Protein backbone atom coordinates (compact mmCIF):
# COMPACT_ATOMS: atom_id res chain seq x y z
CA UNK A 1 92.04 57.78 -79.82
CA UNK A 2 93.62 54.61 -82.01
CA UNK A 3 95.88 54.71 -84.87
CA UNK A 4 94.89 52.69 -87.43
CA UNK A 5 96.53 49.65 -88.39
CA UNK A 6 96.59 47.98 -91.90
CA UNK A 7 96.72 44.35 -91.06
CA UNK A 8 96.86 41.59 -93.58
CA UNK A 9 93.17 41.62 -93.61
CA UNK A 10 92.42 45.12 -93.85
CA UNK A 11 95.26 45.25 -96.73
CA UNK A 12 93.19 42.45 -98.32
CA UNK A 13 90.27 44.29 -98.27
CA UNK A 14 92.11 47.51 -99.49
CA UNK A 15 93.67 45.63 -102.53
CA UNK A 16 90.18 45.33 -104.81
CA UNK A 17 87.18 46.76 -105.16
CA UNK A 18 85.56 47.80 -101.61
CA UNK A 19 85.43 44.93 -98.82
CA UNK A 20 81.39 45.11 -99.27
CA UNK A 21 81.85 43.77 -102.98
CA UNK A 22 80.14 46.15 -105.05
CA UNK A 23 80.70 46.58 -108.84
CA UNK A 24 79.40 49.85 -109.21
CA UNK A 25 80.92 51.65 -112.05
CA UNK A 26 81.79 54.67 -109.76
CA UNK A 27 84.68 52.25 -108.14
CA UNK A 28 85.80 51.21 -111.21
CA UNK A 29 86.52 54.81 -112.90
CA UNK A 30 87.67 56.62 -109.34
CA UNK A 31 91.05 58.09 -110.14
CA UNK A 32 94.83 57.17 -108.33
CA UNK A 33 95.09 60.28 -106.43
CA UNK A 34 98.52 61.66 -106.87
CA UNK A 35 98.64 62.93 -103.07
CA UNK A 36 96.07 63.03 -99.98
CA UNK A 37 95.62 66.83 -100.34
CA UNK A 38 94.12 65.71 -104.17
CA UNK A 39 92.15 63.24 -102.48
CA UNK A 40 90.99 65.56 -99.79
CA UNK A 41 90.13 68.21 -102.33
CA UNK A 42 88.45 66.01 -104.62
CA UNK A 43 85.91 64.10 -101.84
CA UNK A 44 86.02 66.38 -98.76
CA UNK A 45 82.60 67.81 -99.56
CA UNK A 46 81.32 64.19 -100.07
CA UNK A 47 83.00 62.88 -97.00
CA UNK A 48 81.59 66.06 -94.79
CA UNK A 49 77.83 65.11 -95.90
CA UNK A 50 78.62 61.92 -94.60
CA UNK A 51 79.96 63.21 -91.53
CA UNK A 52 77.15 65.61 -90.95
CA UNK A 53 74.61 62.86 -91.22
CA UNK A 54 76.65 61.15 -88.24
CA UNK A 55 76.15 64.16 -85.80
CA UNK A 56 73.80 66.95 -85.50
CA UNK A 57 76.67 69.75 -85.10
CA UNK A 58 78.26 70.82 -88.13
CA UNK A 59 81.16 71.81 -86.09
CA UNK A 60 81.13 68.40 -84.49
CA UNK A 61 80.86 66.97 -88.05
CA UNK A 62 83.82 68.97 -89.56
CA UNK A 63 86.16 67.82 -86.60
CA UNK A 64 84.82 64.18 -86.73
CA UNK A 65 86.17 64.31 -90.25
CA UNK A 66 89.25 66.05 -89.49
CA UNK A 67 89.89 62.99 -87.22
CA UNK A 68 89.07 60.56 -90.17
CA UNK A 69 91.17 62.27 -92.48
CA UNK A 70 94.31 62.14 -89.93
CA UNK A 71 93.71 58.48 -89.79
CA UNK A 72 93.46 57.92 -93.62
CA UNK A 73 96.64 60.46 -93.90
CA UNK A 74 98.70 58.16 -91.61
CA UNK A 75 97.62 55.09 -93.21
CA UNK A 76 98.27 56.89 -96.70
CA UNK A 77 101.26 55.16 -97.95
CA UNK A 78 99.95 51.49 -96.89
CA UNK A 79 96.38 52.25 -98.98
CA UNK A 80 97.44 50.44 -102.29
CA UNK A 81 94.05 50.90 -103.89
CA UNK A 82 92.25 54.21 -103.96
CA UNK A 83 89.02 52.83 -105.26
CA UNK A 84 88.83 51.91 -101.55
CA UNK A 85 89.71 55.23 -99.82
CA UNK A 86 85.89 56.67 -99.35
CA UNK A 87 85.69 53.29 -97.54
CA UNK A 88 88.26 53.74 -95.26
CA UNK A 89 87.23 57.22 -94.50
CA UNK A 90 83.77 56.46 -93.72
CA UNK A 91 84.74 53.56 -91.59
CA UNK A 92 86.96 55.58 -89.63
CA UNK A 93 84.60 58.21 -89.14
CA UNK A 94 81.95 55.55 -87.81
CA UNK A 95 84.38 54.13 -85.65
CA UNK A 96 85.41 57.60 -84.17
CA UNK A 97 81.78 58.52 -83.63
CA UNK A 98 80.97 55.17 -82.02
CA UNK A 99 83.76 56.13 -79.75
CA UNK A 100 82.45 59.17 -78.96
CA UNK A 101 78.93 57.82 -78.42
CA UNK A 102 80.54 55.74 -76.09
CA UNK A 103 82.43 58.03 -73.96
CA UNK A 104 79.21 60.43 -73.53
CA UNK A 105 75.97 59.20 -72.96
CA UNK A 106 73.75 62.28 -73.88
CA UNK A 107 74.83 65.62 -75.66
CA UNK A 108 71.73 65.84 -78.03
CA UNK A 109 68.61 67.42 -77.30
CA UNK A 110 65.43 67.05 -79.31
CA UNK A 111 63.37 70.30 -79.61
CA UNK A 112 59.64 70.05 -78.42
CA UNK A 113 58.40 72.67 -80.37
CA UNK A 114 58.23 73.12 -84.05
CA UNK A 115 57.34 76.01 -85.91
CA UNK A 116 53.75 76.29 -86.99
CA UNK A 117 53.32 75.56 -90.82
CA UNK A 118 50.43 77.07 -92.93
CA UNK A 119 48.68 74.14 -94.88
CA UNK A 120 48.65 74.84 -98.23
CA UNK A 121 46.64 72.83 -101.70
CA UNK A 122 49.91 72.76 -103.35
CA UNK A 123 53.55 71.20 -102.54
CA UNK A 124 55.49 74.09 -101.40
CA UNK A 125 59.45 74.55 -101.36
CA UNK A 126 59.34 75.73 -97.90
CA UNK A 127 56.77 72.85 -96.62
CA UNK A 128 58.90 70.10 -97.98
CA UNK A 129 62.14 71.50 -96.33
CA UNK A 130 60.13 71.63 -93.05
CA UNK A 131 59.15 67.89 -93.41
CA UNK A 132 62.88 67.12 -94.48
CA UNK A 133 63.95 69.16 -91.26
CA UNK A 134 61.47 66.87 -89.23
CA UNK A 135 62.51 63.67 -90.88
CA UNK A 136 66.06 64.57 -89.87
CA UNK A 137 64.98 65.55 -86.08
CA UNK A 138 63.51 62.31 -85.79
CA UNK A 139 66.56 60.38 -87.22
CA UNK A 140 68.44 62.24 -85.06
CA UNK A 141 66.35 61.04 -81.77
CA UNK A 142 67.04 57.30 -82.72
CA UNK A 143 69.73 55.45 -80.87
CA UNK A 144 73.11 55.81 -81.96
CA UNK A 145 73.56 52.54 -83.92
CA UNK A 146 70.09 52.67 -85.43
CA UNK A 147 70.87 56.14 -86.75
CA UNK A 148 74.06 54.78 -88.02
CA UNK A 149 72.71 52.12 -89.69
CA UNK A 150 69.49 54.59 -91.31
CA UNK A 151 71.88 57.08 -92.36
CA UNK A 152 73.85 54.75 -93.83
CA UNK A 153 70.88 52.87 -95.90
CA UNK A 154 68.63 55.70 -96.90
CA UNK A 155 71.18 58.85 -96.78
CA UNK A 156 74.34 57.38 -98.13
CA UNK A 157 72.24 54.79 -100.09
CA UNK A 158 74.13 51.59 -99.04
CA UNK A 159 72.73 48.28 -99.73
CA UNK A 160 72.19 46.01 -96.14
CA UNK A 161 75.43 44.07 -97.20
CA UNK A 162 77.10 47.11 -97.53
CA UNK A 163 76.02 48.45 -94.46
CA UNK A 164 76.61 45.40 -92.39
CA UNK A 165 80.24 45.14 -93.84
CA UNK A 166 80.63 48.98 -92.51
CA UNK A 167 79.63 48.46 -89.47
CA UNK A 168 81.01 44.97 -88.60
CA UNK A 169 77.64 43.31 -88.23
CA UNK A 170 75.34 40.79 -89.69
CA UNK A 171 72.94 41.67 -92.13
CA UNK A 172 70.33 40.47 -90.33
CA UNK A 173 71.41 42.72 -87.37
CA UNK A 174 70.85 45.44 -90.09
CA UNK A 175 67.43 44.30 -91.24
CA UNK A 176 66.14 44.10 -87.87
CA UNK A 177 67.71 47.81 -86.56
CA UNK A 178 66.40 48.86 -89.47
CA UNK A 179 63.11 47.98 -89.15
CA UNK A 180 62.86 48.81 -85.39
CA UNK A 181 64.23 52.35 -86.74
CA UNK A 182 61.34 52.71 -89.48
CA UNK A 183 58.82 51.74 -86.68
CA UNK A 184 59.77 54.66 -84.46
CA UNK A 185 60.18 56.89 -87.02
CA UNK A 186 56.66 56.14 -88.30
CA UNK A 187 55.08 56.56 -84.83
CA UNK A 188 56.93 59.78 -84.43
CA UNK A 189 54.65 62.80 -83.95
CA UNK A 190 56.44 65.48 -85.76
CA UNK A 191 56.15 63.40 -88.66
CA UNK A 192 52.45 62.61 -88.87
CA UNK A 193 51.71 65.01 -91.67
CA UNK A 194 53.73 62.78 -93.68
CA UNK A 195 51.33 59.84 -92.99
């Protein structure tokens, strides 16, 4: 694994609002954290959710977050603008997960069978959960890069520009990859009841 290095470009990105240019009020009001541990206590649950959206295994998500937080801890003294911390950790999560994807070809297997559901005339919370789970399984079947883009766009609610910035690709790449991913999700047989 590589140790993050703050270059002059990354320092500039960390010195103002997050590098993807948002003026969102949540960044303006985010406090300066007195210590690394206070940051982890405050933001850990949100960051763990992001890690879980990048991997199917909860234990792998925890390991992924630990690795990203270790990289953040090493760079803690060099990060001047604490409004950019979440972006820094998300970038470390994505870089670490991308490295893992490159090292091993396939470590996840889609399940061919779904539990049977009873059809009911009114929306049932259990049925909605089944649909949510089916959607998540369909997302997990997407190629790694498309999955990362769908997660950032629709689970993390980032804009196309923000997603492109986090992944280091063009906005056009994000648009075309997300469009292809949505096409695959529409064709997924597990999601046919949602049409």
